[in-house]
Amino acid sequence: MAATRAYLDYNASAPLIAEARAAMVVALDAANPSSVHSEGRAARRLIEDARRDVAGLVNARPEHVVFTSGATEAASTLLTPDWQMGRGAVRMGHLYVCEADHPCILGGGRFPAAQVTRIGVDQNGIADLEALTRALAAHDKAGGLPLVAVHAANNETGVIQPIGRIAEIVKAAGGVLVVDAVQAAGRIPIDMSAGYADYLILSSHKIGGPKGVGAIVAQSDLMMPKPLVNGGGQEKGHRAGTENLPGIAGFAAAARAALAGLDEMGQVARRRDGIEAIVKELVPDADIFGAAAPRLANTTFFAIPGIKAETAQIAFDLAGVALSAGSACSSGKVGPSHVLKAMGHADSLGALRVSIGRATGGEEIEAFRKALAGVVARRAGKEKAA
């Protein structure tokens, strides 16, 4: 067992940054932000300041940010046939998702399974835009508007979707676009003011904030989904329940740091390229999935032929290196990655995901090299024995 450990699993959860921890400690003593006394008003100011900071990460308007318990709740809220515009009802007749989406999108939220269509991806993991165009052209608007939900960047491969083009297709069809920006926010620039999407989904713990808090960011609050959580009317009635003030404060601090750190993504990409160079050096026959497409600077997803991803992951863990065999949300499930299957790699033994951050240093990358060398040596030993 290694004496020190290297953490290379930022896409599962980025380490809590010091600024977020400090903001949370301050907020722990705050009053209920719905109270009208001075202490309550001070707590409310903390939330509204946080709303401004989270909005700033994606260049949105603060009043269009709704805090949730996380991205899964945000997705379940948005993926519903039942919407409201003022006091009037708006119906979403059908949901269109991408085969490589995160499970919280792929599951369809509150839509019946018969009202969900999956759009395929190519071998690089890019959504089939022609198939999306055809599907929306065939949509029967008599049953309601088309709702399209897609990830901005894949949590396993890091592949970035052409959201600008997708938005054009959805707009031309008179539809509504929800973008899961959980992995993209803080890693690529996102500008809601430029019509990036109608609704965004964000998560705190992917950018160095605490777990258990996320957000819906809307282009406009004229039309919003029927609430998933009803009660006291917090968050302008869009999400009831006393706000998680320490979590929200930490989320805001992480959002500020992520926005400031966007300029460092070039350095992160160079470290990612260095990791992939190590993979190619030690495993010349390795497959790096999505390498031919635009990708996040921090993510690489690779397979070692002849070795199951779960087996390799355990070996890395024993060597002191934390990484993933696909999505952390799929841990404990047996079977190939649904992302790889969507990309046409149904016979794959799985892949290993290395995801890093701005704080990842040379020592951690060297630990990865040593651990991978050990995995390769064991593979060679087994091949020789056979």
Protein backbone atom coordinates (compact mmCIF):
# COMPACT_ATOMS: atom_id res chain seq x y z
CA MET A 1 0.00 0.00 0.00
CA ALA A 2 1.35 3.39 -0.94
CA ALA A 3 2.24 5.77 1.91
CA THR A 4 0.75 8.78 0.13
CA ARG A 5 -2.12 8.86 -2.31
CA ALA A 6 -2.72 10.58 -5.63
CA TYR A 7 -6.25 11.80 -6.27
CA LEU A 8 -7.14 11.72 -9.98
CA ASP A 9 -10.94 11.56 -9.83
CA TYR A 10 -12.09 15.19 -10.09
CA ASN A 11 -15.04 14.32 -12.34
CA ALA A 12 -16.50 12.24 -9.53
CA SER A 13 -15.90 14.98 -6.99
CA ALA A 14 -13.28 17.71 -6.87
CA PRO A 15 -11.56 18.18 -3.50
CA LEU A 16 -13.15 20.87 -1.35
CA ILE A 17 -11.18 24.07 -1.84
CA ALA A 18 -10.08 26.18 1.13
CA GLU A 19 -12.21 29.14 0.09
CA ALA A 20 -15.35 27.01 0.07
CA ARG A 21 -14.56 25.50 3.46
CA ALA A 22 -14.03 28.97 4.95
CA ALA A 23 -17.29 30.29 3.50
CA MET A 24 -19.19 27.30 4.88
CA VAL A 25 -17.81 27.81 8.38
CA VAL A 26 -19.01 31.42 8.39
CA ALA A 27 -22.46 30.40 7.13
CA LEU A 28 -22.92 27.67 9.74
CA ASP A 29 -23.88 30.26 12.34
CA ALA A 30 -26.33 32.10 10.07
CA ALA A 31 -30.04 32.30 10.87
CA ASN A 32 -32.94 31.06 8.77
CA PRO A 33 -32.83 33.16 5.58
CA SER A 34 -36.64 33.31 5.47
CA SER A 35 -36.84 35.07 8.84
CA VAL A 36 -37.65 38.80 8.77
CA HIS A 37 -35.46 39.87 11.69
CA SER A 38 -31.98 41.30 11.27
CA GLU A 39 -30.29 37.92 11.57
CA GLY A 40 -32.58 36.43 8.96
CA ARG A 41 -32.00 39.33 6.60
CA ALA A 42 -28.23 38.88 6.99
CA ALA A 43 -28.62 35.21 6.06
CA ARG A 44 -30.74 36.20 3.07
CA ARG A 45 -27.96 38.52 1.91
CA LEU A 46 -25.54 35.59 1.99
CA ILE A 47 -27.85 33.62 -0.29
CA GLU A 48 -28.38 36.48 -2.71
CA ASP A 49 -24.63 37.14 -2.85
CA ALA A 50 -24.15 33.44 -3.58
CA ARG A 51 -26.80 33.57 -6.30
CA ARG A 52 -24.81 36.38 -7.94
CA ASP A 53 -21.55 34.40 -7.77
CA VAL A 54 -23.05 31.20 -9.20
CA ALA A 55 -24.71 33.20 -11.97
CA GLY A 56 -21.37 34.85 -12.71
CA LEU A 57 -19.79 31.48 -13.47
CA VAL A 58 -22.06 31.11 -16.53
CA ASN A 59 -22.78 34.80 -17.20
CA ALA A 60 -26.44 34.56 -16.22
CA ARG A 61 -28.74 36.82 -14.24
CA PRO A 62 -28.70 36.12 -10.48
CA GLU A 63 -32.51 36.15 -10.22
CA HIS A 64 -32.59 33.22 -12.65
CA VAL A 65 -30.63 30.90 -10.33
CA VAL A 66 -32.59 28.33 -8.29
CA PHE A 67 -30.64 26.39 -5.68
CA THR A 68 -31.30 22.65 -5.33
CA SER A 69 -29.85 19.74 -3.38
CA GLY A 70 -27.72 18.80 -6.39
CA ALA A 71 -27.70 18.13 -10.10
CA THR A 72 -29.93 15.05 -9.89
CA GLU A 73 -32.70 17.04 -8.23
CA ALA A 74 -32.21 19.81 -10.79
CA ALA A 75 -32.58 17.27 -13.61
CA SER A 76 -35.66 15.69 -12.04
CA THR A 77 -37.19 19.15 -11.69
CA LEU A 78 -36.55 20.18 -15.29
CA LEU A 79 -37.38 16.89 -17.00
CA THR A 80 -41.13 17.02 -16.59
CA PRO A 81 -44.06 17.34 -19.01
CA ASP A 82 -45.67 19.92 -16.71
CA TRP A 83 -44.49 23.51 -16.90
CA GLN A 84 -45.94 26.87 -15.96
CA MET A 85 -45.90 30.31 -17.56
CA GLY A 86 -47.34 32.67 -14.99
CA ARG A 87 -50.59 31.03 -13.91
CA GLY A 88 -50.97 29.17 -17.18
CA ALA A 89 -49.91 25.59 -17.87
CA VAL A 90 -47.42 24.66 -20.59
CA ARG A 91 -47.08 21.08 -21.76
CA MET A 92 -43.89 19.37 -22.92
CA GLY A 93 -45.06 16.58 -25.19
CA HIS A 94 -41.87 14.58 -25.57
CA LEU A 95 -38.33 14.42 -24.21
CA TYR A 96 -35.25 13.89 -26.39
CA VAL A 97 -32.00 12.85 -24.68
CA CYS A 98 -28.57 11.68 -25.79
CA GLU A 99 -27.54 8.01 -25.50
CA ALA A 100 -24.32 9.07 -23.74
CA ASP A 101 -26.02 11.36 -21.19
CA HIS A 102 -25.55 11.01 -17.46
CA PRO A 103 -28.06 8.58 -15.88
CA CYS A 104 -30.00 11.43 -14.25
CA ILE A 105 -30.80 12.72 -17.76
CA LEU A 106 -30.97 9.37 -19.52
CA GLY A 107 -33.62 8.17 -17.06
CA GLY A 108 -36.05 10.76 -18.37
CA GLY A 109 -36.98 12.42 -15.08
CA ARG A 110 -40.77 12.65 -14.68
CA PHE A 111 -41.54 11.67 -18.28
CA PRO A 112 -43.12 8.26 -18.97
CA ALA A 113 -40.70 5.98 -20.81
CA ALA A 114 -42.91 6.06 -23.92
CA GLN A 115 -42.38 9.82 -24.13
CA VAL A 116 -38.58 9.67 -24.16
CA THR A 117 -36.50 9.29 -27.33
CA ARG A 118 -32.77 8.62 -27.21
CA ILE A 119 -30.51 10.21 -29.83
CA GLY A 120 -27.37 8.28 -30.71
CA VAL A 121 -23.75 9.44 -30.84
CA ASP A 122 -20.93 8.79 -33.28
CA GLN A 123 -17.75 6.83 -32.51
CA ASN A 124 -16.25 9.95 -30.91
CA GLY A 125 -19.23 10.49 -28.63
CA ILE A 126 -20.70 13.48 -30.48
CA ALA A 127 -24.50 13.59 -30.66
CA ASP A 128 -26.01 12.68 -34.02
CA LEU A 129 -27.32 16.10 -35.03
CA GLU A 130 -29.02 14.79 -38.16
CA ALA A 131 -30.96 12.28 -36.09
CA LEU A 132 -31.92 15.03 -33.65
CA THR A 133 -33.08 17.23 -36.51
CA ARG A 134 -35.19 14.41 -37.96
CA ALA A 135 -36.68 13.56 -34.59
CA LEU A 136 -37.69 17.15 -33.90
CA ALA A 137 -39.10 17.55 -37.42
CA ALA A 138 -41.35 14.56 -36.75
CA HIS A 139 -42.42 15.84 -33.32
CA ASP A 140 -46.18 16.25 -32.93
CA LYS A 141 -46.66 19.67 -31.37
CA ALA A 142 -50.31 18.92 -30.77
CA GLY A 143 -49.18 16.98 -27.72
CA GLY A 144 -46.91 19.74 -26.42
CA LEU A 145 -43.51 21.29 -27.03
CA PRO A 146 -40.37 19.20 -27.60
CA LEU A 147 -37.95 19.23 -24.66
CA VAL A 148 -34.32 18.38 -25.44
CA ALA A 149 -31.80 17.56 -22.69
CA VAL A 150 -28.12 16.97 -23.39
CA HIS A 151 -24.82 17.11 -21.55
CA ALA A 152 -22.36 19.88 -22.40
CA ALA A 153 -19.40 17.62 -21.68
CA ASN A 154 -19.42 13.90 -21.02
CA ASN A 155 -18.54 12.84 -17.49
CA GLU A 156 -16.61 9.76 -18.68
CA THR A 157 -14.85 10.79 -21.89
CA GLY A 158 -14.78 14.56 -21.41
CA VAL A 159 -16.09 14.97 -24.98
CA ILE A 160 -17.68 18.39 -25.50
CA GLN A 161 -20.96 18.54 -27.38
CA PRO A 162 -21.61 21.23 -30.03
CA ILE A 163 -24.16 23.01 -27.87
CA GLY A 164 -24.31 26.06 -30.12
CA ARG A 165 -25.43 23.94 -33.07
CA ILE A 166 -27.80 21.88 -30.91
CA ALA A 167 -29.38 25.09 -29.62
CA GLU A 168 -29.96 26.25 -33.19
CA ILE A 169 -31.67 22.97 -34.09
CA VAL A 170 -33.87 23.04 -30.99
CA LYS A 171 -34.82 26.69 -31.49
CA ALA A 172 -35.73 26.09 -35.15
CA ALA A 173 -38.04 23.30 -34.02
CA GLY A 174 -39.71 25.52 -31.40
CA GLY A 175 -38.33 23.40 -28.58
CA VAL A 176 -36.80 23.97 -25.16
CA LEU A 177 -33.16 23.07 -24.43
CA VAL A 178 -31.86 21.85 -21.06
CA VAL A 179 -28.07 21.51 -20.83
CA ASP A 180 -26.35 19.43 -18.16
CA ALA A 181 -23.30 21.62 -17.55
CA VAL A 182 -22.12 19.76 -14.45
CA GLN A 183 -18.75 18.74 -15.92
CA ALA A 184 -18.35 21.74 -18.21
CA ALA A 185 -18.88 24.62 -15.80
CA GLY A 186 -15.58 26.00 -14.58
CA ARG A 187 -13.67 24.04 -17.24
CA ILE A 188 -14.89 25.73 -20.41
CA PRO A 189 -16.45 29.20 -20.79
CA ILE A 190 -20.25 29.21 -20.69
CA ASP A 191 -22.25 32.31 -21.57
CA MET A 192 -25.98 32.11 -20.87
CA SER A 193 -26.41 35.68 -22.11
CA ALA A 194 -25.49 34.50 -25.62
CA GLY A 195 -28.37 32.00 -25.80
CA TYR A 196 -26.26 28.99 -24.77
CA ALA A 197 -29.32 27.14 -23.43
CA ASP A 198 -32.77 27.72 -22.00
CA TYR A 199 -31.85 25.98 -18.74
CA LEU A 200 -28.57 24.80 -17.21
CA ILE A 201 -27.87 22.23 -14.53
CA LEU A 202 -24.91 22.88 -12.20
CA SER A 203 -23.31 20.97 -9.32
CA SER A 204 -21.18 22.39 -6.52
CA HIS A 205 -18.93 19.46 -5.74
CA LYS A 206 -17.61 19.14 -9.29
CA ILE A 207 -15.90 22.54 -9.00
CA GLY A 208 -14.46 22.28 -5.48
CA GLY A 209 -17.56 23.16 -3.48
CA PRO A 210 -19.44 20.96 -1.00
CA LYS A 211 -21.62 18.01 -1.90
CA GLY A 212 -25.39 18.24 -1.60
CA VAL A 213 -26.00 21.50 -3.44
CA GLY A 214 -26.58 22.38 -7.08
CA ALA A 215 -28.57 24.79 -9.19
CA ILE A 216 -30.91 25.35 -12.07
CA VAL A 217 -29.94 28.40 -14.11
CA ALA A 218 -32.62 29.72 -16.44
CA GLN A 219 -32.34 32.00 -19.45
CA SER A 220 -35.58 33.57 -18.25
CA ASP A 221 -37.96 32.86 -15.41
CA LEU A 222 -41.07 33.47 -17.53
CA MET A 223 -41.53 29.71 -17.95
CA MET A 224 -40.47 27.23 -15.29
CA PRO A 225 -41.14 23.54 -14.57
CA LYS A 226 -43.77 22.51 -12.09
CA PRO A 227 -41.91 22.25 -8.76
CA LEU A 228 -40.60 18.89 -7.69
CA VAL A 229 -40.44 19.95 -4.03
CA ASN A 230 -43.44 21.83 -2.67
CA GLY A 231 -43.79 23.53 0.69
CA GLY A 232 -42.98 26.94 2.07
CA GLY A 233 -42.35 28.72 -1.20
CA GLN A 234 -38.59 29.28 -0.94
CA GLU A 235 -36.63 30.03 -4.13
CA LYS A 236 -39.63 32.00 -5.47
CA GLY A 237 -41.75 28.88 -5.22
CA HIS A 238 -39.54 26.88 -7.59
CA ARG A 239 -37.98 24.75 -4.86
CA ALA A 240 -39.41 24.64 -1.35
CA GLY A 241 -37.46 23.93 1.81
CA THR A 242 -35.12 25.98 3.98
CA GLU A 243 -32.03 26.68 1.90
CA ASN A 244 -28.82 24.83 2.69
CA LEU A 245 -26.98 28.04 3.52
CA PRO A 246 -23.54 26.56 4.33
CA GLY A 247 -23.66 24.50 1.14
CA ILE A 248 -24.78 27.44 -0.95
CA ALA A 249 -22.06 29.67 0.51
CA GLY A 250 -19.44 27.04 -0.29
CA PHE A 251 -20.86 26.62 -3.79
CA ALA A 252 -20.54 30.38 -4.36
CA ALA A 253 -16.91 30.43 -3.21
CA ALA A 254 -16.11 27.52 -5.52
CA ALA A 255 -17.88 29.28 -8.41
CA ARG A 256 -15.77 32.40 -7.89
CA ALA A 257 -12.58 30.34 -7.84
CA ALA A 258 -13.60 28.30 -10.90
CA LEU A 259 -14.35 31.42 -12.92
CA ALA A 260 -11.00 32.93 -11.96
CA GLY A 261 -9.25 29.66 -12.83
CA LEU A 262 -10.56 29.30 -16.38
CA ASP A 263 -7.32 30.82 -17.68
CA GLU A 264 -5.42 27.88 -16.15
CA MET A 265 -7.18 25.25 -18.24
CA GLY A 266 -4.38 25.36 -20.81
CA GLN A 267 -1.95 24.17 -18.15
CA VAL A 268 -4.39 21.46 -17.09
CA ALA A 269 -4.62 20.30 -20.71
CA ARG A 270 -0.85 19.98 -20.90
CA ARG A 271 -0.87 17.79 -17.78
CA ARG A 272 -3.67 15.69 -19.29
CA ASP A 273 -1.61 15.32 -22.48
CA GLY A 274 1.33 14.23 -20.35
CA ILE A 275 -0.80 11.55 -18.73
CA GLU A 276 -1.90 10.30 -22.14
CA ALA A 277 1.72 10.24 -23.29
CA ILE A 278 2.48 7.96 -20.33
CA VAL A 279 -0.43 5.72 -21.28
CA LYS A 280 0.78 5.46 -24.89
CA GLU A 281 4.35 4.82 -23.77
CA LEU A 282 3.49 2.02 -21.35
CA VAL A 283 0.45 0.64 -23.22
CA PRO A 284 1.01 1.22 -26.96
CA ASP A 285 -2.20 -0.64 -27.78
CA ALA A 286 -4.34 1.41 -25.38
CA ASP A 287 -7.56 2.97 -26.63
CA ILE A 288 -8.17 6.59 -25.63
CA PHE A 289 -11.84 7.22 -26.19
CA GLY A 290 -13.02 10.50 -27.66
CA ALA A 291 -9.47 11.66 -28.42
CA ALA A 292 -10.47 12.78 -31.92
CA ALA A 293 -13.20 15.10 -30.59
CA PRO A 294 -13.04 18.32 -28.58
CA ARG A 295 -12.61 17.34 -24.93
CA LEU A 296 -12.37 18.88 -21.50
CA ALA A 297 -8.81 19.76 -20.60
CA ASN A 298 -8.86 17.59 -17.48
CA THR A 299 -10.24 14.24 -18.67
CA THR A 300 -8.88 11.10 -20.31
CA PHE A 301 -10.77 7.81 -20.66
CA PHE A 302 -8.68 4.84 -21.75
CA ALA A 303 -8.79 1.06 -21.94
CA ILE A 304 -5.99 -1.43 -21.46
CA PRO A 305 -6.69 -4.33 -23.85
CA GLY A 306 -7.12 -7.63 -22.08
CA ILE A 307 -7.74 -6.15 -18.62
CA LYS A 308 -11.11 -5.40 -17.07
CA ALA A 309 -11.42 -1.78 -15.99
CA GLU A 310 -12.60 -2.78 -12.50
CA THR A 311 -9.56 -5.03 -12.05
CA ALA A 312 -7.19 -2.27 -13.09
CA GLN A 313 -8.97 0.24 -10.87
CA ILE A 314 -8.42 -1.96 -7.83
CA ALA A 315 -4.74 -2.28 -8.73
CA PHE A 316 -4.40 1.50 -8.99
CA ASP A 317 -6.16 1.94 -5.67
CA LEU A 318 -3.81 -0.50 -3.96
CA ALA A 319 -0.90 1.45 -5.46
CA GLY A 320 -2.26 4.66 -3.95
CA VAL A 321 -3.92 6.20 -7.00
CA ALA A 322 -7.61 7.11 -6.95
CA LEU A 323 -9.30 7.04 -10.36
CA SER A 324 -12.56 5.71 -11.77
CA ALA A 325 -13.80 2.94 -14.00
CA GLY A 326 -16.43 5.16 -15.60
CA SER A 327 -19.05 7.22 -13.80
CA ALA A 328 -18.97 7.27 -10.01
CA CYS A 329 -22.78 7.18 -10.14
CA SER A 330 -22.54 3.73 -11.71
CA SER A 331 -20.20 2.23 -9.10
CA GLY A 332 -21.21 -1.23 -8.00
CA LYS A 333 -23.03 -1.98 -11.24
CA VAL A 334 -21.84 -4.84 -13.38
CA GLY A 335 -21.59 -4.30 -17.11
CA PRO A 336 -19.91 -2.12 -19.69
CA SER A 337 -20.11 1.66 -19.69
CA HIS A 338 -23.29 2.87 -21.38
CA VAL A 339 -21.18 5.68 -22.87
CA LEU A 340 -18.81 3.22 -24.54
CA LYS A 341 -21.77 1.17 -25.72
CA ALA A 342 -23.33 4.27 -27.28
CA MET A 343 -20.02 4.98 -29.03
CA GLY A 344 -20.00 1.49 -30.56
CA HIS A 345 -17.70 -0.25 -28.09
CA ALA A 346 -20.20 -2.76 -26.73
CA ASP A 347 -17.54 -5.47 -26.47
CA SER A 348 -15.20 -3.31 -24.41
CA LEU A 349 -13.93 -4.53 -21.04
CA GLY A 350 -14.47 -1.02 -19.76
CA ALA A 351 -12.17 1.94 -19.40
CA LEU A 352 -10.36 3.93 -16.77
CA ARG A 353 -11.11 7.59 -16.27
CA VAL A 354 -8.39 9.94 -15.11
CA SER A 355 -9.73 13.40 -14.26
CA ILE A 356 -7.53 16.11 -12.81
CA GLY A 357 -7.76 19.71 -11.64
CA ARG A 358 -5.73 22.86 -11.37
CA ALA A 359 -4.10 21.56 -8.17
CA THR A 360 -2.88 18.30 -9.74
CA GLY A 361 0.91 18.23 -9.66
CA GLY A 362 3.86 16.29 -10.97
CA GLU A 363 4.05 13.96 -7.98
CA GLU A 364 0.54 12.71 -8.59
CA ILE A 365 1.25 12.16 -12.27
CA GLU A 366 4.42 10.26 -11.41
CA ALA A 367 2.42 8.10 -9.00
CA PHE A 368 0.07 7.34 -11.89
CA ARG A 369 3.06 6.32 -14.05
CA LYS A 370 4.36 3.91 -11.43
CA ALA A 371 0.94 2.40 -10.80
CA LEU A 372 0.28 1.94 -14.52
CA ALA A 373 3.68 0.32 -14.95
CA GLY A 374 2.71 -2.18 -12.27
CA VAL A 375 -0.58 -2.98 -14.02
CA VAL A 376 1.24 -3.44 -17.34
CA ALA A 377 3.81 -5.72 -15.73
CA ARG A 378 1.09 -7.93 -14.31
CA ARG A 379 -0.61 -8.07 -17.70
CA ALA A 380 2.70 -9.13 -19.31
CA GLY A 381 3.16 -11.80 -16.63
CA LYS A 382 -0.26 -13.25 -17.29
CA GLU A 383 0.31 -13.27 -21.05
CA LYS A 384 3.66 -15.04 -20.57
CA ALA A 385 2.09 -17.62 -18.26
CA ALA A 386 -0.64 -18.27 -20.80
